[in-house]
Protein backbone atom coordinates (compact mmCIF):
# COMPACT_ATOMS: atom_id res chain seq x y z
CA UNK A 1 -178.24 -13.34 204.78
CA UNK A 2 -177.29 -11.13 201.90
CA UNK A 3 -179.06 -13.15 199.21
CA UNK A 4 -182.58 -14.11 200.32
CA UNK A 5 -183.04 -16.55 197.41
CA UNK A 6 -179.80 -18.41 198.03
CA UNK A 7 -180.31 -22.17 197.82
CA UNK A 8 -183.74 -21.90 196.15
CA UNK A 9 -184.31 -23.12 192.61
CA UNK A 10 -184.25 -20.34 189.98
CA UNK A 11 -188.00 -20.00 189.51
CA UNK A 12 -188.72 -19.64 193.26
CA UNK A 13 -188.69 -16.27 194.93
CA UNK A 14 -189.44 -14.95 198.37
CA UNK A 15 -192.88 -13.40 198.42
CA UNK A 16 -193.82 -10.89 201.11
CA UNK A 17 -197.03 -11.71 202.89
CA UNK A 18 -199.41 -8.82 203.38
CA UNK A 19 -201.77 -8.99 206.29
CA UNK A 20 -205.18 -7.44 205.88
CA UNK A 21 -205.74 -4.28 207.87
CA UNK A 22 -209.18 -5.19 209.11
CA UNK A 23 -210.30 -8.36 210.95
CA UNK A 24 -209.95 -11.56 209.00
CA UNK A 25 -209.89 -9.96 205.55
CA UNK A 26 -212.85 -11.91 204.19
CA UNK A 27 -215.19 -9.88 201.98
CA UNK A 28 -212.86 -6.88 201.47
CA UNK A 29 -211.07 -8.33 198.45
CA UNK A 30 -212.20 -7.79 194.91
CA UNK A 31 -212.72 -10.74 192.63
CA UNK A 32 -209.45 -10.03 190.81
CA UNK A 33 -207.52 -9.91 194.09
CA UNK A 34 -209.10 -13.19 195.20
CA UNK A 35 -208.10 -14.88 191.94
CA UNK A 36 -204.58 -13.47 192.23
CA UNK A 37 -204.25 -14.74 195.83
CA UNK A 38 -205.57 -18.18 194.85
CA UNK A 39 -203.04 -18.29 192.04
CA UNK A 40 -200.28 -17.21 194.41
CA UNK A 41 -201.38 -19.83 196.99
CA UNK A 42 -201.23 -22.54 194.34
CA UNK A 43 -197.75 -21.39 193.33
CA UNK A 44 -196.54 -21.34 196.98
CA UNK A 45 -197.98 -24.82 197.60
CA UNK A 46 -196.20 -26.08 194.47
CA UNK A 47 -192.94 -24.55 195.71
CA UNK A 48 -193.43 -26.25 199.10
CA UNK A 49 -193.96 -29.59 197.35
CA UNK A 50 -190.83 -29.01 195.26
CA UNK A 51 -188.80 -28.10 198.34
CA UNK A 52 -189.99 -31.28 200.05
CA UNK A 53 -188.88 -33.31 197.06
CA UNK A 54 -185.51 -31.58 197.06
CA UNK A 55 -185.15 -32.19 200.80
CA UNK A 56 -185.98 -35.89 200.39
CA UNK A 57 -183.44 -36.18 197.58
CA UNK A 58 -180.76 -34.41 199.69
CA UNK A 59 -181.49 -36.67 202.69
CA UNK A 60 -181.27 -39.74 200.46
CA UNK A 61 -177.95 -38.49 199.05
CA UNK A 62 -176.62 -37.81 202.56
CA UNK A 63 -177.64 -41.33 203.64
CA UNK A 64 -175.86 -42.79 200.63
CA UNK A 65 -172.67 -40.89 201.48
CA UNK A 66 -172.86 -42.01 205.12
CA UNK A 67 -173.39 -45.61 204.03
CA UNK A 68 -170.32 -45.42 201.76
CA UNK A 69 -168.33 -43.99 204.67
CA UNK A 70 -169.57 -46.80 206.94
CA UNK A 71 -171.53 -44.45 209.17
CA UNK A 72 -174.63 -46.34 210.26
CA UNK A 73 -177.29 -44.82 212.52
CA UNK A 74 -176.13 -47.17 215.27
CA UNK A 75 -172.50 -46.03 214.90
CA UNK A 76 -173.61 -42.39 214.97
CA UNK A 77 -175.67 -43.00 218.11
CA UNK A 78 -172.72 -44.81 219.71
CA UNK A 79 -170.39 -41.93 218.84
CA UNK A 80 -172.86 -39.36 220.18
CA UNK A 81 -173.28 -41.29 223.44
CA UNK A 82 -169.53 -41.74 223.79
CA UNK A 83 -168.91 -38.03 223.22
CA UNK A 84 -171.70 -37.10 225.66
CA UNK A 85 -170.25 -39.44 228.30
CA UNK A 86 -166.79 -37.94 227.80
CA UNK A 87 -168.29 -34.47 228.19
CA UNK A 88 -170.01 -35.53 231.41
CA UNK A 89 -166.80 -37.05 232.79
CA UNK A 90 -164.89 -33.89 231.96
CA UNK A 91 -167.39 -31.67 233.74
CA UNK A 92 -166.50 -30.20 237.12
CA UNK A 93 -169.75 -31.44 238.65
CA UNK A 94 -168.95 -35.04 237.71
CA UNK A 95 -165.40 -34.77 238.98
CA UNK A 96 -166.58 -33.32 242.30
CA UNK A 97 -169.29 -35.97 242.71
CA UNK A 98 -166.85 -38.72 241.79
CA UNK A 99 -164.36 -37.55 244.41
CA UNK A 100 -167.10 -37.40 247.06
CA UNK A 101 -168.24 -40.93 246.21
CA UNK A 102 -164.66 -42.21 246.45
CA UNK A 103 -164.22 -40.50 249.82
CA UNK A 104 -167.50 -41.95 251.06
CA UNK A 105 -166.49 -45.41 249.84
CA UNK A 106 -163.17 -45.19 251.68
CA UNK A 107 -164.90 -43.96 254.84
CA UNK A 108 -167.42 -46.80 254.77
CA UNK A 109 -164.98 -49.61 253.93
CA UNK A 110 -162.53 -48.48 256.60
CA UNK A 111 -165.14 -48.15 259.34
CA UNK A 112 -165.32 -50.70 262.16
CA UNK A 113 -169.03 -51.31 261.55
CA UNK A 114 -168.34 -52.29 257.93
CA UNK A 115 -165.51 -54.60 258.92
CA UNK A 116 -167.62 -56.27 261.62
CA UNK A 117 -170.56 -56.67 259.23
CA UNK A 118 -168.32 -58.13 256.56
CA UNK A 119 -166.80 -60.60 259.03
CA UNK A 120 -170.25 -61.57 260.35
CA UNK A 121 -171.62 -62.17 256.87
CA UNK A 122 -168.56 -64.19 255.93
CA UNK A 123 -168.91 -66.35 259.05
CA UNK A 124 -172.66 -66.76 258.49
CA UNK A 125 -172.04 -67.83 254.91
CA UNK A 126 -169.53 -70.48 255.84
CA UNK A 127 -171.75 -71.77 258.69
CA UNK A 128 -174.74 -71.95 256.33
CA UNK A 129 -172.67 -73.89 253.80
CA UNK A 130 -171.56 -76.33 256.50
CA UNK A 131 -175.12 -76.74 257.80
CA UNK A 132 -176.48 -77.49 254.34
CA UNK A 133 -173.70 -79.98 253.76
CA UNK A 134 -174.45 -81.69 257.10
CA UNK A 135 -178.19 -81.86 256.34
CA UNK A 136 -177.41 -83.47 252.98
CA UNK A 137 -175.17 -86.12 254.51
CA UNK A 138 -177.67 -86.85 257.32
CA UNK A 139 -180.49 -87.25 254.79
CA UNK A 140 -178.36 -89.51 252.64
CA UNK A 141 -177.41 -91.66 255.62
CA UNK A 142 -181.04 -91.80 256.87
CA UNK A 143 -182.38 -92.79 253.47
CA UNK A 144 -179.73 -95.51 253.29
CA UNK A 145 -180.84 -96.83 256.68
CA UNK A 146 -184.51 -96.76 255.66
CA UNK A 147 -183.70 -98.66 252.48
CA UNK A 148 -182.03 -101.39 254.55
CA UNK A 149 -184.92 -101.69 257.05
CA UNK A 150 -187.08 -104.85 257.02
CA UNK A 151 -190.26 -102.79 256.50
CA UNK A 152 -188.90 -101.13 253.36
CA UNK A 153 -187.62 -104.49 252.05
CA UNK A 154 -191.09 -105.98 252.59
CA UNK A 155 -192.67 -103.02 250.77
CA UNK A 156 -190.15 -103.33 247.95
CA UNK A 157 -190.92 -107.04 247.64
CA UNK A 158 -194.67 -106.33 247.49
CA UNK A 159 -194.14 -103.77 244.74
CA UNK A 160 -191.97 -106.27 242.86
CA UNK A 161 -194.72 -108.91 243.13
CA UNK A 162 -197.34 -106.43 241.93
CA UNK A 163 -195.10 -105.53 239.00
CA UNK A 164 -194.71 -109.19 238.11
CA UNK A 165 -198.50 -109.61 238.18
CA UNK A 166 -199.03 -106.59 235.94
CA UNK A 167 -196.35 -107.63 233.45
CA UNK A 168 -197.64 -111.18 233.46
CA UNK A 169 -201.17 -109.89 232.78
CA UNK A 170 -199.95 -107.77 229.90
CA UNK A 171 -198.34 -110.81 228.31
CA UNK A 172 -201.60 -112.79 228.66
CA UNK A 173 -203.85 -110.08 227.20
CA UNK A 174 -205.21 -110.54 223.67
CA UNK A 175 -204.31 -108.01 220.94
CA UNK A 176 -203.01 -105.50 223.45
CA UNK A 177 -206.46 -105.19 225.11
CA UNK A 178 -207.01 -106.12 228.71
CA UNK A 179 -209.48 -109.00 229.09
CA UNK A 180 -211.06 -110.12 232.34
CA UNK A 181 -209.97 -113.76 231.95
CA UNK A 182 -206.38 -112.86 231.16
CA UNK A 183 -206.11 -110.37 234.00
CA UNK A 184 -207.78 -112.36 236.77
CA UNK A 185 -205.30 -114.74 238.41
CA UNK A 186 -206.56 -118.16 239.43
CA UNK A 187 -206.75 -119.14 243.07
CA UNK A 188 -203.43 -121.01 242.98
CA UNK A 189 -201.66 -118.01 241.34
CA UNK A 190 -202.70 -115.57 244.06
CA UNK A 191 -199.84 -114.60 246.33
CA UNK A 192 -200.24 -114.69 250.10
CA UNK A 193 -200.90 -111.32 251.74
CA UNK A 194 -198.21 -110.19 254.13
CA UNK A 195 -199.01 -108.03 257.16
CA UNK A 196 -196.61 -105.22 256.31
CA UNK A 197 -197.80 -101.73 257.26
CA UNK A 198 -197.44 -100.55 253.67
């Protein structure tokens, strides 16, 4: 750079930093030099703070311009990824790897082992589908037969009688609470017990 102060505000200048010749430099400075260095340090720290403020203002301005242009961080990331992917695809390494993968794919899909495996899996899939369908129809038929059996009808009748007793007891209860007199059927109301296995 030809102009070392280029881009700095007018009152800021580059200051050369002298390193002490001996050790850490503590104790070799006079009181006047120490005061001068403290003053210089304060000035440099103020310049750093000013530069930070200027940087924040510039970043804010750049963000405002990007927002006006419709450039969101997401769009920038998307563009960067797209460009990077295009660069990868254009690279010789990617092209060579892509060709090798295509060749490998052709070799595998045209091999007899692949064709036999594909046919076997296809056959197994259709047989499994048929088996599941058959199991479903057999279960449906068996459940229909069970429902029509005399034992099931007897069980169903017993459940229906029990339901009638419970509903009848609910209607006889007082205030929604179950009372012993309302829930206990009399001797003539009791239904005969059948000898069904259920």
